Protein backbone atom coordinates (compact mmCIF):
# COMPACT_ATOMS: atom_id res chain seq x y z
CA UNK A 1 178.40 22.30 104.20
CA UNK A 2 180.86 22.09 107.11
CA UNK A 3 180.93 24.86 109.66
CA UNK A 4 184.37 26.28 110.44
CA UNK A 5 184.33 26.14 114.24
CA UNK A 6 186.18 28.07 116.89
CA UNK A 7 188.42 26.30 119.38
CA UNK A 8 185.81 25.82 122.12
CA UNK A 9 184.75 22.91 124.28
CA UNK A 10 181.26 21.57 123.65
CA UNK A 11 180.08 22.91 127.01
CA UNK A 12 181.51 26.39 126.27
CA UNK A 13 179.89 26.34 122.82
CA UNK A 14 176.49 25.38 124.29
CA UNK A 15 176.75 28.08 126.96
CA UNK A 16 177.78 30.80 124.49
CA UNK A 17 174.88 29.91 122.19
CA UNK A 18 172.41 30.10 125.09
CA UNK A 19 173.57 33.60 126.03
CA UNK A 20 173.53 34.83 122.41
CA UNK A 21 177.31 35.19 122.21
CA UNK A 22 177.96 32.67 119.45
CA UNK A 23 176.63 32.59 115.92
CA UNK A 24 177.70 31.80 112.35
CA UNK A 25 178.58 34.26 109.63
CA UNK A 26 177.45 34.27 105.99
CA UNK A 27 180.28 31.87 105.13
CA UNK A 28 178.99 29.41 107.76
CA UNK A 29 181.93 30.05 110.06
CA UNK A 30 181.44 30.16 113.81
CA UNK A 31 181.87 33.68 115.23
CA UNK A 32 181.45 35.58 118.45
CA UNK A 33 178.66 38.06 117.71
CA UNK A 34 180.00 41.40 116.55
CA UNK A 35 183.33 39.93 115.43
CA UNK A 36 184.57 38.29 112.25
CA UNK A 37 185.77 34.70 112.38
CA UNK A 38 189.38 35.88 112.41
CA UNK A 39 188.67 38.43 115.15
CA UNK A 40 186.86 35.74 117.15
CA UNK A 41 189.89 33.46 116.93
CA UNK A 42 192.15 36.34 117.95
CA UNK A 43 189.86 37.31 120.85
CA UNK A 44 189.89 33.74 122.15
CA UNK A 45 193.68 33.55 121.84
CA UNK A 46 194.08 36.85 123.69
CA UNK A 47 191.65 35.63 126.38
CA UNK A 48 193.97 32.80 127.41
CA UNK A 49 194.67 33.42 131.12
CA UNK A 50 198.19 31.99 130.95
CA UNK A 51 199.15 34.25 128.05
CA UNK A 52 201.69 36.95 128.87
CA UNK A 53 200.02 39.74 126.89
CA UNK A 54 201.80 42.88 125.79
CA UNK A 55 200.14 46.26 126.45
CA UNK A 56 199.16 46.37 122.75
CA UNK A 57 197.57 42.92 122.98
CA UNK A 58 195.67 43.92 126.12
CA UNK A 59 194.36 46.98 124.30
CA UNK A 60 193.41 44.85 121.27
CA UNK A 61 191.63 42.37 123.56
CA UNK A 62 189.70 45.19 125.25
CA UNK A 63 188.59 46.64 121.90
CA UNK A 64 187.41 43.25 120.62
CA UNK A 65 185.67 42.48 123.92
CA UNK A 66 183.88 45.84 123.90
CA UNK A 67 182.63 45.37 120.34
CA UNK A 68 181.49 41.81 121.12
CA UNK A 69 179.64 42.86 124.27
CA UNK A 70 177.96 45.87 122.65
CA UNK A 71 176.73 43.75 119.76
CA UNK A 72 175.56 41.00 122.12
CA UNK A 73 173.52 43.56 124.08
CA UNK A 74 171.93 44.74 120.83
CA UNK A 75 171.04 41.15 119.94
CA UNK A 76 169.52 40.60 123.39
CA UNK A 77 167.52 43.83 123.12
CA UNK A 78 166.20 42.81 119.69
CA UNK A 79 165.26 39.36 121.00
CA UNK A 80 163.52 40.90 123.99
CA UNK A 81 161.56 43.27 121.73
CA UNK A 82 160.47 40.40 119.50
CA UNK A 83 159.30 38.39 122.49
CA UNK A 84 157.42 41.23 124.15
CA UNK A 85 155.88 42.73 121.01
CA UNK A 86 154.79 39.37 119.61
CA UNK A 87 154.29 37.06 122.60
CA UNK A 88 153.39 33.46 121.87
CA UNK A 89 149.75 32.59 122.13
CA UNK A 90 149.17 29.80 124.64
């Protein structure tokens, strides 16, 4: 099965995976955590620094960014709990 990927460089993709920002959904599409594939594509488009965003687009970007960050923090907290409650035996 082929993964539907977001428009990211390999280095950006690697970095986002390392910081728990990038995942795949149930349809095997690449997503930013907390967002659908379509929302992830929209977020990336709105994140373009050369884009002349309208006030509505800036508000949309902020809402998507907030949801992505809040979900990412929840993922990091869950990962931290798993690691501290069940540490590896060395």
